[in-house]
Amino acid sequence: CLTTRPDLHDLRLDCTALRFCDTMGISALLMIHRRTTARDVRLHLDS
């Protein structure tokens, strides 16, 4: 999404149906945060 959408301003992660998250899942969220911040994109964690 970040590399193919130069017009991207908001990346939303909808977690409504997420049932489990381990340390690798948290690490993935942090990695996405670093990448969105570097591209000046707001990262939303919904529900």
All heavy atoms as atom14 arrays in JSON, in Angstrom:
{
  "sequence": "CLTTRPDLHDLRLDCTALRFCDTMGISALLMIHRRTTARDVRLHLDS",
  "atom14_mask": [
    [1, 1, 1, 1, 1, 1, 0, 0, 0, 0, 0, 0, 0, 0],
    [1, 1, 1, 1, 1, 1, 1, 1, 0, 0, 0, 0, 0, 0],
    [1, 1, 1, 1, 1, 1, 1, 0, 0, 0, 0, 0, 0, 0],
    [1, 1, 1, 1, 1, 1, 1, 0, 0, 0, 0, 0, 0, 0],
    [1, 1, 1, 1, 1, 1, 1, 1, 1, 1, 1, 0, 0, 0],
    [1, 1, 1, 1, 1, 1, 1, 0, 0, 0, 0, 0, 0, 0],
    [1, 1, 1, 1, 1, 1, 1, 1, 0, 0, 0, 0, 0, 0],
    [1, 1, 1, 1, 1, 1, 1, 1, 0, 0, 0, 0, 0, 0],
    [1, 1, 1, 1, 1, 1, 1, 1, 1, 1, 0, 0, 0, 0],
    [1, 1, 1, 1, 1, 1, 1, 1, 0, 0, 0, 0, 0, 0],
    [1, 1, 1, 1, 1, 1, 1, 1, 0, 0, 0, 0, 0, 0],
    [1, 1, 1, 1, 1, 1, 1, 1, 1, 1, 1, 0, 0, 0],
    [1, 1, 1, 1, 1, 1, 1, 1, 0, 0, 0, 0, 0, 0],
    [1, 1, 1, 1, 1, 1, 1, 1, 0, 0, 0, 0, 0, 0],
    [1, 1, 1, 1, 1, 1, 0, 0, 0, 0, 0, 0, 0, 0],
    [1, 1, 1, 1, 1, 1, 1, 0, 0, 0, 0, 0, 0, 0],
    [1, 1, 1, 1, 1, 0, 0, 0, 0, 0, 0, 0, 0, 0],
    [1, 1, 1, 1, 1, 1, 1, 1, 0, 0, 0, 0, 0, 0],
    [1, 1, 1, 1, 1, 1, 1, 1, 1, 1, 1, 0, 0, 0],
    [1, 1, 1, 1, 1, 1, 1, 1, 1, 1, 1, 0, 0, 0],
    [1, 1, 1, 1, 1, 1, 0, 0, 0, 0, 0, 0, 0, 0],
    [1, 1, 1, 1, 1, 1, 1, 1, 0, 0, 0, 0, 0, 0],
    [1, 1, 1, 1, 1, 1, 1, 0, 0, 0, 0, 0, 0, 0],
    [1, 1, 1, 1, 1, 1, 1, 1, 0, 0, 0, 0, 0, 0],
    [1, 1, 1, 1, 0, 0, 0, 0, 0, 0, 0, 0, 0, 0],
    [1, 1, 1, 1, 1, 1, 1, 1, 0, 0, 0, 0, 0, 0],
    [1, 1, 1, 1, 1, 1, 0, 0, 0, 0, 0, 0, 0, 0],
    [1, 1, 1, 1, 1, 0, 0, 0, 0, 0, 0, 0, 0, 0],
    [1, 1, 1, 1, 1, 1, 1, 1, 0, 0, 0, 0, 0, 0],
    [1, 1, 1, 1, 1, 1, 1, 1, 0, 0, 0, 0, 0, 0],
    [1, 1, 1, 1, 1, 1, 1, 1, 0, 0, 0, 0, 0, 0],
    [1, 1, 1, 1, 1, 1, 1, 1, 0, 0, 0, 0, 0, 0],
    [1, 1, 1, 1, 1, 1, 1, 1, 1, 1, 0, 0, 0, 0],
    [1, 1, 1, 1, 1, 1, 1, 1, 1, 1, 1, 0, 0, 0],
    [1, 1, 1, 1, 1, 1, 1, 1, 1, 1, 1, 0, 0, 0],
    [1, 1, 1, 1, 1, 1, 1, 0, 0, 0, 0, 0, 0, 0],
    [1, 1, 1, 1, 1, 1, 1, 0, 0, 0, 0, 0, 0, 0],
    [1, 1, 1, 1, 1, 0, 0, 0, 0, 0, 0, 0, 0, 0],
    [1, 1, 1, 1, 1, 1, 1, 1, 1, 1, 1, 0, 0, 0],
    [1, 1, 1, 1, 1, 1, 1, 1, 0, 0, 0, 0, 0, 0],
    [1, 1, 1, 1, 1, 1, 1, 0, 0, 0, 0, 0, 0, 0],
    [1, 1, 1, 1, 1, 1, 1, 1, 1, 1, 1, 0, 0, 0],
    [1, 1, 1, 1, 1, 1, 1, 1, 0, 0, 0, 0, 0, 0],
    [1, 1, 1, 1, 1, 1, 1, 1, 1, 1, 0, 0, 0, 0],
    [1, 1, 1, 1, 1, 1, 1, 1, 0, 0, 0, 0, 0, 0],
    [1, 1, 1, 1, 1, 1, 1, 1, 0, 0, 0, 0, 0, 0],
    [1, 1, 1, 1, 1, 1, 0, 0, 0, 0, 0, 0, 0, 0]
  ],
  "atom14_positions": [
    [[0.84, -1.21, 0.0], [0.0, 0.0, 0.0], [0.86, 1.25, 0.0], [0.58, 2.21, -0.72], [-0.92, 0.01, 1.23], [-2.22, -1.23, 1.2], [0.0, 0.0, 0.0], [0.0, 0.0, 0.0], [0.0, 0.0, 0.0], [0.0, 0.0, 0.0], [0.0, 0.0, 0.0], [0.0, 0.0, 0.0], [0.0, 0.0, 0.0], [0.0, 0.0, 0.0]],
    [[1.92, 1.25, 0.8], [2.78, 2.43, 0.9], [3.57, 2.7, -0.38], [3.79, 3.85, -0.74], [3.75, 2.27, 2.08], [3.11, 2.33, 3.47], [4.1, 1.85, 4.52], [2.59, 3.71, 3.78], [0.0, 0.0, 0.0], [0.0, 0.0, 0.0], [0.0, 0.0, 0.0], [0.0, 0.0, 0.0], [0.0, 0.0, 0.0], [0.0, 0.0, 0.0]],
    [[4.0, 1.65, -1.05], [4.84, 1.84, -2.23], [4.05, 2.05, -3.53], [4.57, 2.65, -4.46], [5.82, 0.66, -2.42], [5.08, -0.54, -2.52], [6.81, 0.59, -1.27], [0.0, 0.0, 0.0], [0.0, 0.0, 0.0], [0.0, 0.0, 0.0], [0.0, 0.0, 0.0], [0.0, 0.0, 0.0], [0.0, 0.0, 0.0], [0.0, 0.0, 0.0]],
    [[2.83, 1.55, -3.57], [2.06, 1.67, -4.81], [1.05, 2.81, -4.79], [0.43, 3.08, -5.8], [1.3, 0.36, -5.13], [0.37, 0.09, -4.07], [2.28, -0.79, -5.32], [0.0, 0.0, 0.0], [0.0, 0.0, 0.0], [0.0, 0.0, 0.0], [0.0, 0.0, 0.0], [0.0, 0.0, 0.0], [0.0, 0.0, 0.0], [0.0, 0.0, 0.0]],
    [[0.9, 3.46, -3.65], [-0.08, 4.53, -3.51], [0.6, 5.83, -3.09], [0.63, 6.18, -1.91], [-1.12, 4.14, -2.45], [-1.91, 2.88, -2.7], [-3.11, 3.1, -3.6], [-3.88, 4.26, -3.29], [-4.86, 4.32, -2.38], [-5.18, 3.25, -1.69], [-5.52, 5.44, -2.18], [0.0, 0.0, 0.0], [0.0, 0.0, 0.0], [0.0, 0.0, 0.0]],
    [[1.17, 6.59, -4.03], [1.84, 7.84, -3.66], [0.88, 8.88, -3.07], [1.32, 9.8, -2.38], [2.44, 8.33, -4.97], [1.72, 7.62, -6.05], [1.2, 6.33, -5.46], [0.0, 0.0, 0.0], [0.0, 0.0, 0.0], [0.0, 0.0, 0.0], [0.0, 0.0, 0.0], [0.0, 0.0, 0.0], [0.0, 0.0, 0.0], [0.0, 0.0, 0.0]],
    [[-0.43, 8.71, -3.29], [-1.42, 9.63, -2.75], [-1.89, 9.25, -1.35], [-2.74, 9.91, -0.77], [-2.64, 9.68, -3.67], [-3.41, 8.35, -3.69], [-2.77, 7.28, -3.57], [-4.64, 8.38, -3.83], [0.0, 0.0, 0.0], [0.0, 0.0, 0.0], [0.0, 0.0, 0.0], [0.0, 0.0, 0.0], [0.0, 0.0, 0.0], [0.0, 0.0, 0.0]],
    [[-1.32, 8.2, -0.77], [-1.78, 7.68, 0.51], [-1.46, 8.65, 1.64], [-0.31, 9.07, 1.81], [-1.13, 6.31, 0.77], [-1.71, 5.5, 1.91], [-3.15, 5.07, 1.59], [-0.86, 4.26, 2.16], [0.0, 0.0, 0.0], [0.0, 0.0, 0.0], [0.0, 0.0, 0.0], [0.0, 0.0, 0.0], [0.0, 0.0, 0.0], [0.0, 0.0, 0.0]],
    [[-2.49, 8.99, 2.42], [-2.32, 9.84, 3.59], [-2.66, 9.11, 4.87], [-2.18, 9.48, 5.95], [-3.22, 11.08, 3.5], [-2.88, 11.97, 2.35], [-1.71, 12.69, 2.29], [-3.55, 12.22, 1.21], [-1.68, 13.37, 1.16], [-2.78, 13.09, 0.48], [0.0, 0.0, 0.0], [0.0, 0.0, 0.0], [0.0, 0.0, 0.0], [0.0, 0.0, 0.0]],
    [[-3.51, 8.08, 4.76], [-3.96, 7.33, 5.94], [-3.95, 5.84, 5.65], [-4.52, 5.4, 4.65], [-5.39, 7.75, 6.31], [-5.46, 9.17, 6.79], [-5.13, 9.42, 7.96], [-5.85, 10.05, 5.98], [0.0, 0.0, 0.0], [0.0, 0.0, 0.0], [0.0, 0.0, 0.0], [0.0, 0.0, 0.0], [0.0, 0.0, 0.0], [0.0, 0.0, 0.0]],
    [[-3.29, 5.1, 6.53], [-3.32, 3.64, 6.47], [-4.05, 3.18, 7.72], [-3.66, 3.5, 8.84], [-1.92, 3.06, 6.43], [-1.83, 1.52, 6.38], [-2.51, 0.98, 5.13], [-0.39, 1.06, 6.46], [0.0, 0.0, 0.0], [0.0, 0.0, 0.0], [0.0, 0.0, 0.0], [0.0, 0.0, 0.0], [0.0, 0.0, 0.0], [0.0, 0.0, 0.0]],
    [[-5.15, 2.45, 7.52], [-5.98, 2.0, 8.62], [-5.81, 0.49, 8.79], [-5.89, -0.25, 7.82], [-7.44, 2.33, 8.37], [-7.69, 3.8, 8.03], [-9.15, 4.14, 8.07], [-9.56, 4.38, 9.43], [-9.49, 5.57, 10.03], [-9.04, 6.6, 9.38], [-9.88, 5.7, 11.28], [0.0, 0.0, 0.0], [0.0, 0.0, 0.0], [0.0, 0.0, 0.0]],
    [[-5.6, 0.07, 10.03], [-5.57, -1.35, 10.37], [-6.81, -1.63, 11.21], [-6.91, -1.19, 12.36], [-4.3, -1.7, 11.15], [-2.97, -1.35, 10.49], [-1.81, -1.74, 11.39], [-2.85, -2.01, 9.14], [0.0, 0.0, 0.0], [0.0, 0.0, 0.0], [0.0, 0.0, 0.0], [0.0, 0.0, 0.0], [0.0, 0.0, 0.0], [0.0, 0.0, 0.0]],
    [[-7.77, -2.33, 10.62], [-9.01, -2.65, 11.32], [-8.82, -3.96, 12.05], [-8.68, -5.02, 11.43], [-10.16, -2.74, 10.31], [-11.47, -3.15, 10.95], [-11.55, -3.23, 12.2], [-12.43, -3.39, 10.2], [0.0, 0.0, 0.0], [0.0, 0.0, 0.0], [0.0, 0.0, 0.0], [0.0, 0.0, 0.0], [0.0, 0.0, 0.0], [0.0, 0.0, 0.0]],
    [[-8.83, -3.9, 13.37], [-8.54, -5.07, 14.21], [-9.79, -5.68, 14.82], [-9.7, -6.49, 15.75], [-7.56, -4.67, 15.31], [-5.99, -4.07, 14.69], [0.0, 0.0, 0.0], [0.0, 0.0, 0.0], [0.0, 0.0, 0.0], [0.0, 0.0, 0.0], [0.0, 0.0, 0.0], [0.0, 0.0, 0.0], [0.0, 0.0, 0.0], [0.0, 0.0, 0.0]],
    [[-10.95, -5.32, 14.33], [-12.21, -5.79, 14.89], [-12.24, -7.3, 15.06], [-12.68, -7.81, 16.1], [-13.4, -5.36, 14.0], [-13.36, -3.94, 13.85], [-14.72, -5.78, 14.59], [0.0, 0.0, 0.0], [0.0, 0.0, 0.0], [0.0, 0.0, 0.0], [0.0, 0.0, 0.0], [0.0, 0.0, 0.0], [0.0, 0.0, 0.0], [0.0, 0.0, 0.0]],
    [[-11.78, -8.05, 14.07], [-11.87, -9.51, 14.09], [-10.56, -10.18, 14.48], [-10.41, -11.39, 14.32], [-12.34, -10.01, 12.73], [0.0, 0.0, 0.0], [0.0, 0.0, 0.0], [0.0, 0.0, 0.0], [0.0, 0.0, 0.0], [0.0, 0.0, 0.0], [0.0, 0.0, 0.0], [0.0, 0.0, 0.0], [0.0, 0.0, 0.0], [0.0, 0.0, 0.0]],
    [[-9.62, -9.41, 15.02], [-8.35, -10.0, 15.47], [-8.61, -10.79, 16.75], [-9.26, -10.31, 17.67], [-7.33, -8.89, 15.72], [-5.88, -9.3, 15.79], [-5.4, -9.89, 14.46], [-5.01, -8.09, 16.15], [0.0, 0.0, 0.0], [0.0, 0.0, 0.0], [0.0, 0.0, 0.0], [0.0, 0.0, 0.0], [0.0, 0.0, 0.0], [0.0, 0.0, 0.0]],
    [[-8.11, -12.02, 16.8], [-8.37, -12.9, 17.95], [-7.14, -13.09, 18.83], [-7.26, -13.45, 19.99], [-8.85, -14.27, 17.46], [-10.12, -14.22, 16.67], [-11.29, -13.86, 17.57], [-12.43, -13.49, 16.76], [-13.05, -12.33, 16.81], [-12.64, -11.39, 17.62], [-14.09, -12.08, 16.05], [0.0, 0.0, 0.0], [0.0, 0.0, 0.0], [0.0, 0.0, 0.0]],
    [[-5.94, -12.84, 18.29], [-4.71, -13.1, 19.03], [-3.6, -12.27, 18.41], [-3.59, -12.04, 17.2], [-4.36, -14.6, 18.95], [-3.06, -14.95, 19.6], [-2.97, -15.1, 20.97], [-1.92, -15.14, 18.83], [-1.76, -15.42, 21.57], [-0.7, -15.47, 19.42], [-0.62, -15.61, 20.79], [0.0, 0.0, 0.0], [0.0, 0.0, 0.0], [0.0, 0.0, 0.0]],
    [[-2.67, -11.85, 19.24], [-1.49, -11.14, 18.75], [-0.33, -11.45, 19.68], [-0.42, -11.22, 20.89], [-1.77, -9.64, 18.7], [-0.41, -8.66, 18.03], [0.0, 0.0, 0.0], [0.0, 0.0, 0.0], [0.0, 0.0, 0.0], [0.0, 0.0, 0.0], [0.0, 0.0, 0.0], [0.0, 0.0, 0.0], [0.0, 0.0, 0.0], [0.0, 0.0, 0.0]],
    [[0.76, -11.99, 19.13], [1.93, -12.28, 19.95], [2.99, -11.19, 19.75], [2.73, -10.17, 19.12], [2.47, -13.69, 19.68], [3.11, -13.86, 18.31], [3.21, -12.88, 17.54], [3.51, -15.0, 18.0], [0.0, 0.0, 0.0], [0.0, 0.0, 0.0], [0.0, 0.0, 0.0], [0.0, 0.0, 0.0], [0.0, 0.0, 0.0], [0.0, 0.0, 0.0]],
    [[4.19, -11.41, 20.26], [5.24, -10.4, 20.17], [5.63, -10.12, 18.73], [5.99, -8.98, 18.39], [6.49, -10.82, 20.97], [6.94, -12.1, 20.5], [6.18, -10.9, 22.44], [0.0, 0.0, 0.0], [0.0, 0.0, 0.0], [0.0, 0.0, 0.0], [0.0, 0.0, 0.0], [0.0, 0.0, 0.0], [0.0, 0.0, 0.0], [0.0, 0.0, 0.0]],
    [[5.57, -11.1, 17.86], [5.87, -10.86, 16.44], [4.79, -9.99, 15.8], [5.08, -9.17, 14.93], [6.01, -12.17, 15.67], [7.31, -12.91, 15.99], [8.79, -11.95, 15.62], [8.69, -11.85, 13.84], [0.0, 0.0, 0.0], [0.0, 0.0, 0.0], [0.0, 0.0, 0.0], [0.0, 0.0, 0.0], [0.0, 0.0, 0.0], [0.0, 0.0, 0.0]],
    [[3.56, -10.14, 16.23], [2.49, -9.28, 15.75], [2.71, -7.83, 16.18], [2.55, -6.9, 15.38], [0.0, 0.0, 0.0], [0.0, 0.0, 0.0], [0.0, 0.0, 0.0], [0.0, 0.0, 0.0], [0.0, 0.0, 0.0], [0.0, 0.0, 0.0], [0.0, 0.0, 0.0], [0.0, 0.0, 0.0], [0.0, 0.0, 0.0], [0.0, 0.0, 0.0]],
    [[3.1, -7.64, 17.44], [3.41, -6.29, 17.93], [4.61, -5.73, 17.16], [4.61, -4.56, 16.76], [3.69, -6.31, 19.44], [2.44, -6.76, 20.22], [4.16, -4.94, 19.92], [1.23, -5.88, 20.04], [0.0, 0.0, 0.0], [0.0, 0.0, 0.0], [0.0, 0.0, 0.0], [0.0, 0.0, 0.0], [0.0, 0.0, 0.0], [0.0, 0.0, 0.0]],
    [[5.59, -6.55, 16.93], [6.76, -6.12, 16.16], [6.35, -5.69, 14.75], [6.85, -4.68, 14.23], [7.78, -7.26, 16.09], [8.88, -6.89, 15.32], [0.0, 0.0, 0.0], [0.0, 0.0, 0.0], [0.0, 0.0, 0.0], [0.0, 0.0, 0.0], [0.0, 0.0, 0.0], [0.0, 0.0, 0.0], [0.0, 0.0, 0.0], [0.0, 0.0, 0.0]],
    [[5.43, -6.41, 14.14], [4.95, -6.05, 12.81], [4.24, -4.69, 12.84], [4.44, -3.85, 11.97], [4.01, -7.13, 12.27], [0.0, 0.0, 0.0], [0.0, 0.0, 0.0], [0.0, 0.0, 0.0], [0.0, 0.0, 0.0], [0.0, 0.0, 0.0], [0.0, 0.0, 0.0], [0.0, 0.0, 0.0], [0.0, 0.0, 0.0], [0.0, 0.0, 0.0]],
    [[3.43, -4.46, 13.87], [2.75, -3.18, 14.0], [3.76, -2.04, 14.15], [3.6, -0.97, 13.55], [1.8, -3.19, 15.19], [0.61, -4.15, 15.1], [-0.18, -4.13, 16.41], [-0.29, -3.81, 13.93], [0.0, 0.0, 0.0], [0.0, 0.0, 0.0], [0.0, 0.0, 0.0], [0.0, 0.0, 0.0], [0.0, 0.0, 0.0], [0.0, 0.0, 0.0]],
    [[4.81, -2.27, 14.93], [5.84, -1.25, 15.11], [6.63, -1.0, 13.82], [6.98, 0.14, 13.51], [6.78, -1.63, 16.25], [6.13, -1.64, 17.64], [7.09, -2.23, 18.67], [5.66, -0.25, 18.04], [0.0, 0.0, 0.0], [0.0, 0.0, 0.0], [0.0, 0.0, 0.0], [0.0, 0.0, 0.0], [0.0, 0.0, 0.0], [0.0, 0.0, 0.0]],
    [[6.88, -2.05, 13.07], [7.58, -1.9, 11.8], [6.73, -1.08, 10.82], [7.24, -0.19, 10.13], [7.9, -3.28, 11.19], [8.75, -3.21, 9.95], [9.2, -4.85, 9.33], [10.03, -5.54, 10.74], [0.0, 0.0, 0.0], [0.0, 0.0, 0.0], [0.0, 0.0, 0.0], [0.0, 0.0, 0.0], [0.0, 0.0, 0.0], [0.0, 0.0, 0.0]],
    [[5.44, -1.36, 10.78], [4.54, -0.6, 9.91], [4.51, 0.86, 10.37], [4.52, 1.77, 9.55], [3.14, -1.24, 9.9], [3.2, -2.61, 9.22], [2.13, -0.33, 9.2], [1.96, -3.46, 9.42], [0.0, 0.0, 0.0], [0.0, 0.0, 0.0], [0.0, 0.0, 0.0], [0.0, 0.0, 0.0], [0.0, 0.0, 0.0], [0.0, 0.0, 0.0]],
    [[4.51, 1.08, 11.67], [4.53, 2.45, 12.19], [5.77, 3.2, 11.7], [5.68, 4.35, 11.25], [4.48, 2.46, 13.72], [4.64, 3.83, 14.29], [5.86, 4.32, 14.68], [3.75, 4.81, 14.48], [5.7, 5.56, 15.1], [4.43, 5.89, 15.0], [0.0, 0.0, 0.0], [0.0, 0.0, 0.0], [0.0, 0.0, 0.0], [0.0, 0.0, 0.0]],
    [[6.93, 2.56, 11.78], [8.17, 3.21, 11.31], [8.07, 3.55, 9.82], [8.49, 4.62, 9.39], [9.38, 2.3, 11.56], [9.83, 2.28, 13.0], [11.16, 1.6, 13.18], [11.19, 0.21, 12.76], [10.84, -0.81, 13.51], [10.44, -0.62, 14.74], [10.89, -2.05, 13.05], [0.0, 0.0, 0.0], [0.0, 0.0, 0.0], [0.0, 0.0, 0.0]],
    [[7.52, 2.65, 9.05], [7.44, 2.87, 7.6], [6.41, 3.93, 7.23], [6.64, 4.71, 6.31], [7.17, 1.55, 6.9], [8.37, 0.62, 7.04], [8.15, -0.74, 6.5], [9.34, -1.55, 6.73], [9.45, -2.8, 6.36], [8.48, -3.41, 5.72], [10.56, -3.47, 6.63], [0.0, 0.0, 0.0], [0.0, 0.0, 0.0], [0.0, 0.0, 0.0]],
    [[5.29, 3.98, 7.94], [4.32, 5.02, 7.65], [4.85, 6.38, 8.06], [4.67, 7.37, 7.34], [2.96, 4.75, 8.34], [3.16, 4.6, 9.75], [2.28, 3.53, 7.76], [0.0, 0.0, 0.0], [0.0, 0.0, 0.0], [0.0, 0.0, 0.0], [0.0, 0.0, 0.0], [0.0, 0.0, 0.0], [0.0, 0.0, 0.0], [0.0, 0.0, 0.0]],
    [[5.52, 6.44, 9.19], [6.11, 7.7, 9.65], [7.14, 8.21, 8.65], [7.17, 9.4, 8.33], [6.75, 7.52, 11.04], [5.74, 7.11, 11.96], [7.39, 8.8, 11.53], [0.0, 0.0, 0.0], [0.0, 0.0, 0.0], [0.0, 0.0, 0.0], [0.0, 0.0, 0.0], [0.0, 0.0, 0.0], [0.0, 0.0, 0.0], [0.0, 0.0, 0.0]],
    [[7.96, 7.31, 8.12], [8.98, 7.7, 7.14], [8.35, 8.25, 5.86], [8.97, 9.06, 5.16], [9.89, 6.51, 6.81], [0.0, 0.0, 0.0], [0.0, 0.0, 0.0], [0.0, 0.0, 0.0], [0.0, 0.0, 0.0], [0.0, 0.0, 0.0], [0.0, 0.0, 0.0], [0.0, 0.0, 0.0], [0.0, 0.0, 0.0], [0.0, 0.0, 0.0]],
    [[7.14, 7.82, 5.55], [6.46, 8.27, 4.32], [5.41, 9.34, 4.59], [4.62, 9.68, 3.73], [5.83, 7.07, 3.61], [6.87, 6.18, 2.96], [6.2, 5.06, 2.2], [7.13, 4.34, 1.39], [7.91, 3.35, 1.81], [7.89, 3.0, 3.08], [8.73, 2.73, 0.99], [0.0, 0.0, 0.0], [0.0, 0.0, 0.0], [0.0, 0.0, 0.0]],
    [[5.38, 9.82, 5.84], [4.45, 10.89, 6.2], [2.99, 10.45, 6.03], [2.15, 11.2, 5.56], [4.75, 12.14, 5.38], [4.43, 13.42, 6.13], [4.38, 13.37, 7.38], [4.23, 14.45, 5.47], [0.0, 0.0, 0.0], [0.0, 0.0, 0.0], [0.0, 0.0, 0.0], [0.0, 0.0, 0.0], [0.0, 0.0, 0.0], [0.0, 0.0, 0.0]],
    [[2.7, 9.21, 6.43], [1.35, 8.64, 6.35], [0.87, 8.4, 7.78], [1.63, 7.88, 8.61], [1.37, 7.31, 5.55], [0.02, 6.61, 5.62], [1.77, 7.56, 4.11], [0.0, 0.0, 0.0], [0.0, 0.0, 0.0], [0.0, 0.0, 0.0], [0.0, 0.0, 0.0], [0.0, 0.0, 0.0], [0.0, 0.0, 0.0], [0.0, 0.0, 0.0]],
    [[-0.37, 8.79, 8.08], [-0.94, 8.54, 9.4], [-1.35, 7.08, 9.5], [-1.97, 6.53, 8.59], [-2.15, 9.43, 9.64], [-1.79, 10.89, 9.83], [-3.05, 11.72, 10.07], [-3.9, 11.72, 8.88], [-4.16, 12.79, 8.14], [-3.66, 13.96, 8.46], [-4.94, 12.71, 7.08], [0.0, 0.0, 0.0], [0.0, 0.0, 0.0], [0.0, 0.0, 0.0]],
    [[-1.01, 6.44, 10.62], [-1.36, 5.05, 10.87], [-2.45, 4.99, 11.92], [-2.29, 5.52, 13.03], [-0.14, 4.25, 11.33], [-0.36, 2.78, 11.65], [-0.88, 2.02, 10.43], [0.92, 2.15, 12.16], [0.0, 0.0, 0.0], [0.0, 0.0, 0.0], [0.0, 0.0, 0.0], [0.0, 0.0, 0.0], [0.0, 0.0, 0.0], [0.0, 0.0, 0.0]],
    [[-3.56, 4.34, 11.58], [-4.7, 4.22, 12.47], [-4.86, 2.76, 12.88], [-4.76, 1.86, 12.04], [-5.99, 4.64, 11.76], [-5.92, 6.01, 11.17], [-6.39, 7.11, 11.81], [-5.41, 6.44, 9.99], [-6.2, 8.19, 11.05], [-5.59, 7.8, 9.94], [0.0, 0.0, 0.0], [0.0, 0.0, 0.0], [0.0, 0.0, 0.0], [0.0, 0.0, 0.0]],
    [[-5.12, 2.54, 14.14], [-5.42, 1.2, 14.65], [-6.88, 1.24, 15.09], [-7.2, 1.77, 16.15], [-4.49, 0.87, 15.81], [-4.41, -0.57, 16.25], [-3.88, -1.45, 15.13], [-3.52, -0.7, 17.47], [0.0, 0.0, 0.0], [0.0, 0.0, 0.0], [0.0, 0.0, 0.0], [0.0, 0.0, 0.0], [0.0, 0.0, 0.0], [0.0, 0.0, 0.0]],
    [[-7.76, 0.73, 14.24], [-9.19, 0.82, 14.48], [-9.72, -0.42, 15.19], [-9.38, -1.55, 14.83], [-9.94, 1.02, 13.17], [-9.59, 2.32, 12.48], [-9.19, 3.28, 13.17], [-9.7, 2.38, 11.24], [0.0, 0.0, 0.0], [0.0, 0.0, 0.0], [0.0, 0.0, 0.0], [0.0, 0.0, 0.0], [0.0, 0.0, 0.0], [0.0, 0.0, 0.0]],
    [[-10.56, -0.19, 16.17], [-11.29, -1.24, 16.89], [-10.39, -2.34, 17.45], [-10.67, -3.53, 17.27], [-12.37, -1.86, 16.0], [-13.24, -0.87, 15.5], [0.0, 0.0, 0.0], [0.0, 0.0, 0.0], [0.0, 0.0, 0.0], [0.0, 0.0, 0.0], [0.0, 0.0, 0.0], [0.0, 0.0, 0.0], [0.0, 0.0, 0.0], [0.0, 0.0, 0.0]]
  ]
}
